[in-house]
């Protein structure tokens, strides 16, 4: 891909529990993707998957 056509990249650091990191690493390995690719795809999703709640127990939903 031509470098001039690429969208500028920004770096974001996110702190996650070791258990979540391990789950994401395992999933990225199974899908043959990098952890960065997997996380970027998840962040681009318009809505969370049906099987996952949008918020944890006792937490308010995120504003739209």
Protein backbone atom coordinates (compact mmCIF):
# COMPACT_ATOMS: atom_id res chain seq x y z
CA UNK A 1 0.00 0.00 0.00
CA UNK A 2 1.23 3.47 -0.82
CA UNK A 3 2.38 5.15 2.39
CA UNK A 4 0.86 8.50 1.33
CA UNK A 5 -2.62 6.94 1.20
CA UNK A 6 -2.45 5.54 4.74
CA UNK A 7 -4.32 7.16 7.59
CA UNK A 8 -1.99 8.71 10.20
CA UNK A 9 -1.41 6.39 13.13
CA UNK A 10 -1.77 7.37 16.77
CA UNK A 11 -0.57 5.32 19.72
CA UNK A 12 -2.84 4.52 22.68
CA UNK A 13 -1.68 2.67 25.78
CA UNK A 14 -4.32 0.70 27.69
CA UNK A 15 -3.79 -1.04 31.00
CA UNK A 16 -5.62 -4.35 31.24
CA UNK A 17 -5.54 -7.22 33.73
CA UNK A 18 -3.07 -10.02 32.93
CA UNK A 19 -5.99 -12.42 32.45
CA UNK A 20 -7.58 -10.22 29.75
CA UNK A 21 -4.22 -9.76 28.03
CA UNK A 22 -3.78 -13.55 27.99
CA UNK A 23 -7.28 -14.06 26.53
CA UNK A 24 -6.66 -11.48 23.81
CA UNK A 25 -3.24 -12.95 22.98
CA UNK A 26 -4.76 -16.43 22.70
CA UNK A 27 -7.59 -15.18 20.48
CA UNK A 28 -5.22 -13.23 18.24
CA UNK A 29 -3.03 -16.32 17.89
CA UNK A 30 -6.03 -18.51 16.98
CA UNK A 31 -7.13 -15.98 14.36
CA UNK A 32 -3.62 -15.59 12.97
CA UNK A 33 -3.58 -11.86 13.76
CA UNK A 34 -1.42 -9.59 15.84
CA UNK A 35 -2.75 -8.34 19.14
CA UNK A 36 -2.79 -4.86 17.62
CA UNK A 37 -4.92 -6.02 14.66
CA UNK A 38 -7.40 -7.77 16.96
CA UNK A 39 -7.76 -4.78 19.29
CA UNK A 40 -8.09 -2.33 16.40
CA UNK A 41 -10.87 -4.45 14.86
CA UNK A 42 -12.68 -4.61 18.19
CA UNK A 43 -12.42 -0.86 18.70
CA UNK A 44 -13.82 -0.24 15.20
CA UNK A 45 -16.95 -2.33 15.84
CA UNK A 46 -20.06 -0.14 15.92
CA UNK A 47 -21.75 -2.31 18.56
CA UNK A 48 -20.48 -4.97 20.96
CA UNK A 49 -21.16 -8.59 19.94
CA UNK A 50 -24.57 -9.91 21.01
CA UNK A 51 -23.03 -12.48 23.37
CA UNK A 52 -21.09 -9.82 25.32
CA UNK A 53 -22.73 -7.21 27.53
CA UNK A 54 -21.91 -3.59 26.73
CA UNK A 55 -21.02 -3.06 30.39
CA UNK A 56 -20.10 -5.14 33.40
CA UNK A 57 -22.36 -6.03 36.30
CA UNK A 58 -23.18 -3.02 38.43
CA UNK A 59 -21.84 -0.58 35.83
CA UNK A 60 -23.91 1.92 33.92
CA UNK A 61 -24.00 1.57 30.14
CA UNK A 62 -21.73 3.90 28.22
CA UNK A 63 -23.46 6.98 26.80
CA UNK A 64 -24.19 6.88 23.07
